Structures are given as C-alpha cells and as structure tokens.
Amino acid sequence: MKPPDVVGLIWEDALQELNKYHPLRIETVFTEPPHGGRPSGNRRVIQQRGGKDGTIVLVVAYENYNRGQAKGGGESGN
C-alpha cells in the first residue's frame, strides 16, 4: 500500500497520519531560506519522497521567516 500524501500538512499532523497507516521509517529534513531569518508559524511538509530502504523523507519548513532578525533573537552588527 502506498503511503498517504502529506504535503502541505503541519509536520506533527503528517507524522501522525503516516504512522496511522504504516509503521514506516520516516526521516525529516528541515530547510530554510538561504539568507536565514527568524522562523515563525507552523512547520509544514513541503516535499515528500521515497528514500533508501523504503524510508519516507519529509522536507519541512516553517511557514514564515522574518527577515533582518537573527535566529537567536539578538541584535546583530554590534
């Protein structure tokens, strides 16, 4: 049976959905914009693909990145 398509779902919901139908090995890869920023919002699955040995690979990103803010929330350039 083919695993369900979870692209677009909130990451935690996607994991629950996949585990409901299949006791699968799931690998999660987080991605972010090349210039960084402070992440906010939900983490969503933006890509789903098959990996090695039947593993399901989920590529996940936050919904929003606020430009000009360091990840740690501190000020930069001082």
N, C-alpha and C. Protein backbone atom coordinates (compact mmCIF):
# COMPACT_ATOMS: atom_id res chain seq x y z
N MET A 1 0.84 -1.18 0.00
CA MET A 1 0.00 0.00 0.00
C MET A 1 0.88 1.25 0.00
N LYS A 2 0.54 2.18 -0.86
CA LYS A 2 1.30 3.42 -0.98
C LYS A 2 0.98 4.33 0.21
N PRO A 3 2.01 4.97 0.81
CA PRO A 3 1.75 5.87 1.94
C PRO A 3 0.94 7.09 1.49
N PRO A 4 0.15 7.68 2.40
CA PRO A 4 -0.65 8.85 2.03
C PRO A 4 0.24 10.06 1.72
N ASP A 5 -0.28 10.93 0.87
CA ASP A 5 0.40 12.18 0.53
C ASP A 5 0.16 13.18 1.66
N VAL A 6 1.21 13.62 2.32
CA VAL A 6 1.07 14.53 3.46
C VAL A 6 1.64 15.92 3.18
N VAL A 7 1.96 16.20 1.91
CA VAL A 7 2.49 17.52 1.54
C VAL A 7 1.46 18.58 1.88
N GLY A 8 1.90 19.64 2.55
CA GLY A 8 1.02 20.74 2.93
C GLY A 8 0.53 20.64 4.37
N LEU A 9 0.64 19.46 4.96
CA LEU A 9 0.19 19.30 6.34
C LEU A 9 1.20 19.85 7.32
N ILE A 10 0.71 20.22 8.50
CA ILE A 10 1.61 20.56 9.60
C ILE A 10 2.42 19.31 9.92
N TRP A 11 3.71 19.49 10.17
CA TRP A 11 4.64 18.37 10.33
C TRP A 11 4.15 17.32 11.33
N GLU A 12 3.73 17.75 12.51
CA GLU A 12 3.28 16.82 13.53
C GLU A 12 2.06 16.02 13.06
N ASP A 13 1.15 16.69 12.34
CA ASP A 13 -0.04 16.01 11.80
C ASP A 13 0.37 15.01 10.72
N ALA A 14 1.34 15.38 9.92
CA ALA A 14 1.83 14.48 8.87
C ALA A 14 2.42 13.21 9.47
N LEU A 15 3.20 13.36 10.54
CA LEU A 15 3.78 12.18 11.20
C LEU A 15 2.68 11.28 11.73
N GLN A 16 1.67 11.85 12.35
CA GLN A 16 0.56 11.05 12.87
C GLN A 16 -0.17 10.32 11.75
N GLU A 17 -0.40 11.02 10.64
CA GLU A 17 -1.10 10.42 9.50
C GLU A 17 -0.31 9.27 8.91
N LEU A 18 0.98 9.46 8.73
CA LEU A 18 1.81 8.39 8.18
C LEU A 18 1.86 7.19 9.12
N ASN A 19 2.01 7.44 10.40
CA ASN A 19 2.10 6.35 11.37
C ASN A 19 0.77 5.63 11.56
N LYS A 20 -0.33 6.28 11.25
CA LYS A 20 -1.65 5.66 11.37
C LYS A 20 -1.82 4.52 10.36
N TYR A 21 -1.28 4.72 9.18
CA TYR A 21 -1.45 3.74 8.11
C TYR A 21 -0.27 2.81 7.93
N HIS A 22 0.89 3.25 8.31
CA HIS A 22 2.11 2.47 8.08
C HIS A 22 3.08 2.66 9.24
N PRO A 23 3.59 1.59 9.79
CA PRO A 23 4.70 1.76 10.73
C PRO A 23 5.98 1.95 9.92
N LEU A 24 6.17 3.17 9.43
CA LEU A 24 7.25 3.47 8.50
C LEU A 24 8.45 4.07 9.20
N ARG A 25 9.58 3.97 8.53
CA ARG A 25 10.76 4.73 8.94
C ARG A 25 10.64 6.08 8.24
N ILE A 26 10.65 7.14 9.04
CA ILE A 26 10.47 8.48 8.50
C ILE A 26 11.69 9.32 8.84
N GLU A 27 12.23 9.96 7.83
CA GLU A 27 13.35 10.88 8.01
C GLU A 27 12.85 12.29 7.72
N THR A 28 13.20 13.24 8.58
CA THR A 28 12.78 14.62 8.39
C THR A 28 14.00 15.48 8.10
N VAL A 29 13.88 16.29 7.05
CA VAL A 29 14.93 17.23 6.67
C VAL A 29 14.32 18.63 6.77
N PHE A 30 14.93 19.50 7.56
CA PHE A 30 14.44 20.86 7.71
C PHE A 30 15.19 21.77 6.74
N THR A 31 14.46 22.70 6.15
CA THR A 31 15.07 23.65 5.22
C THR A 31 14.67 25.07 5.61
N GLU A 32 15.43 26.03 5.15
CA GLU A 32 15.15 27.44 5.43
C GLU A 32 15.67 28.28 4.28
N PRO A 33 15.24 29.54 4.20
CA PRO A 33 15.71 30.40 3.12
C PRO A 33 17.24 30.57 3.18
N PRO A 34 17.87 30.84 2.05
CA PRO A 34 19.33 30.97 2.02
C PRO A 34 19.86 32.12 2.87
N HIS A 35 19.05 33.14 3.10
CA HIS A 35 19.51 34.28 3.89
C HIS A 35 19.02 34.22 5.32
N GLY A 36 18.44 33.10 5.70
CA GLY A 36 18.02 32.89 7.07
C GLY A 36 16.86 33.77 7.48
N GLY A 37 16.85 34.14 8.74
CA GLY A 37 15.76 34.91 9.32
C GLY A 37 15.23 34.17 10.53
N ARG A 38 14.32 34.79 11.22
CA ARG A 38 13.74 34.18 12.42
C ARG A 38 12.47 33.43 12.02
N PRO A 39 12.44 32.09 12.25
CA PRO A 39 11.27 31.31 11.84
C PRO A 39 10.08 31.56 12.76
N SER A 40 8.89 31.50 12.17
CA SER A 40 7.66 31.61 12.95
C SER A 40 6.56 30.81 12.26
N GLY A 41 5.52 30.55 12.99
CA GLY A 41 4.40 29.80 12.43
C GLY A 41 4.62 28.30 12.55
N ASN A 42 3.74 27.56 11.91
CA ASN A 42 3.82 26.10 11.93
C ASN A 42 4.92 25.59 11.03
N ARG A 43 5.38 24.39 11.32
CA ARG A 43 6.31 23.70 10.41
C ARG A 43 5.45 22.84 9.50
N ARG A 44 5.61 23.01 8.19
CA ARG A 44 4.80 22.28 7.22
C ARG A 44 5.67 21.44 6.30
N VAL A 45 5.08 20.33 5.87
CA VAL A 45 5.74 19.45 4.91
C VAL A 45 5.64 20.10 3.54
N ILE A 46 6.80 20.33 2.90
CA ILE A 46 6.80 20.96 1.58
C ILE A 46 7.18 19.97 0.49
N GLN A 47 7.70 18.80 0.89
CA GLN A 47 8.03 17.77 -0.09
C GLN A 47 8.04 16.42 0.61
N GLN A 48 7.60 15.40 -0.11
CA GLN A 48 7.61 14.03 0.39
C GLN A 48 8.20 13.16 -0.71
N ARG A 49 9.16 12.30 -0.33
CA ARG A 49 9.76 11.42 -1.33
C ARG A 49 10.21 10.12 -0.67
N GLY A 50 10.44 9.14 -1.50
CA GLY A 50 10.95 7.87 -1.00
C GLY A 50 12.46 7.94 -0.85
N GLY A 51 12.94 7.38 0.24
CA GLY A 51 14.38 7.35 0.48
C GLY A 51 14.90 5.93 0.40
N LYS A 52 16.07 5.73 0.95
CA LYS A 52 16.70 4.41 0.94
C LYS A 52 15.93 3.45 1.82
N ASP A 53 15.90 2.20 1.43
CA ASP A 53 15.31 1.13 2.23
C ASP A 53 13.86 1.38 2.59
N GLY A 54 13.11 2.05 1.74
CA GLY A 54 11.70 2.29 2.00
C GLY A 54 11.40 3.41 2.97
N THR A 55 12.42 4.14 3.38
CA THR A 55 12.21 5.28 4.27
C THR A 55 11.43 6.36 3.55
N ILE A 56 10.54 7.04 4.26
CA ILE A 56 9.84 8.20 3.72
C ILE A 56 10.61 9.44 4.19
N VAL A 57 10.97 10.30 3.25
CA VAL A 57 11.69 11.53 3.56
C VAL A 57 10.72 12.70 3.45
N LEU A 58 10.61 13.45 4.56
CA LEU A 58 9.78 14.65 4.57
C LEU A 58 10.68 15.87 4.65
N VAL A 59 10.48 16.81 3.73
CA VAL A 59 11.20 18.08 3.76
C VAL A 59 10.24 19.08 4.39
N VAL A 60 10.71 19.74 5.45
CA VAL A 60 9.85 20.58 6.28
C VAL A 60 10.43 21.99 6.38
N ALA A 61 9.54 22.99 6.37
CA ALA A 61 9.95 24.39 6.55
C ALA A 61 8.91 25.10 7.40
N TYR A 62 9.34 26.13 8.11
CA TYR A 62 8.41 26.98 8.83
C TYR A 62 7.58 27.77 7.82
N GLU A 63 6.39 28.16 8.22
CA GLU A 63 5.51 28.92 7.34
C GLU A 63 6.06 30.31 7.03
N ASN A 64 6.76 30.92 7.99
CA ASN A 64 7.24 32.29 7.83
C ASN A 64 8.67 32.43 8.33
N TYR A 65 9.39 33.31 7.70
CA TYR A 65 10.72 33.72 8.17
C TYR A 65 10.75 35.24 8.13
N ASN A 66 11.03 35.85 9.26
CA ASN A 66 11.09 37.30 9.35
C ASN A 66 12.50 37.75 9.01
N ARG A 67 12.62 38.49 7.94
CA ARG A 67 13.94 38.96 7.50
C ARG A 67 14.52 39.98 8.47
N GLY A 68 15.85 40.01 8.50
CA GLY A 68 16.53 41.02 9.28
C GLY A 68 16.61 40.70 10.75
N GLN A 69 16.17 39.53 11.15
CA GLN A 69 16.25 39.15 12.55
C GLN A 69 17.11 37.90 12.67
N ALA A 70 18.02 37.93 13.59
CA ALA A 70 18.87 36.76 13.81
C ALA A 70 18.05 35.64 14.42
N LYS A 71 18.49 34.40 14.20
CA LYS A 71 17.78 33.25 14.72
C LYS A 71 17.62 33.32 16.24
N GLY A 72 18.67 33.77 16.92
CA GLY A 72 18.63 33.80 18.37
C GLY A 72 17.83 34.96 18.94
N GLY A 73 17.35 35.84 18.09
CA GLY A 73 16.54 36.95 18.54
C GLY A 73 17.35 38.15 18.99
N GLY A 74 18.67 38.03 19.01
CA GLY A 74 19.52 39.14 19.45
C GLY A 74 19.76 40.10 18.31
N GLU A 75 20.37 41.20 18.65
CA GLU A 75 20.71 42.19 17.64
C GLU A 75 22.03 41.83 16.99
N SER A 76 22.15 42.10 15.73
CA SER A 76 23.40 41.80 15.03
C SER A 76 24.11 43.11 14.67
N GLY A 77 25.40 42.99 14.43
CA GLY A 77 26.17 44.14 13.99
C GLY A 77 26.77 44.96 15.10
N ASN A 78 26.65 44.50 16.33
CA ASN A 78 27.24 45.25 17.45
C ASN A 78 28.48 44.59 17.94
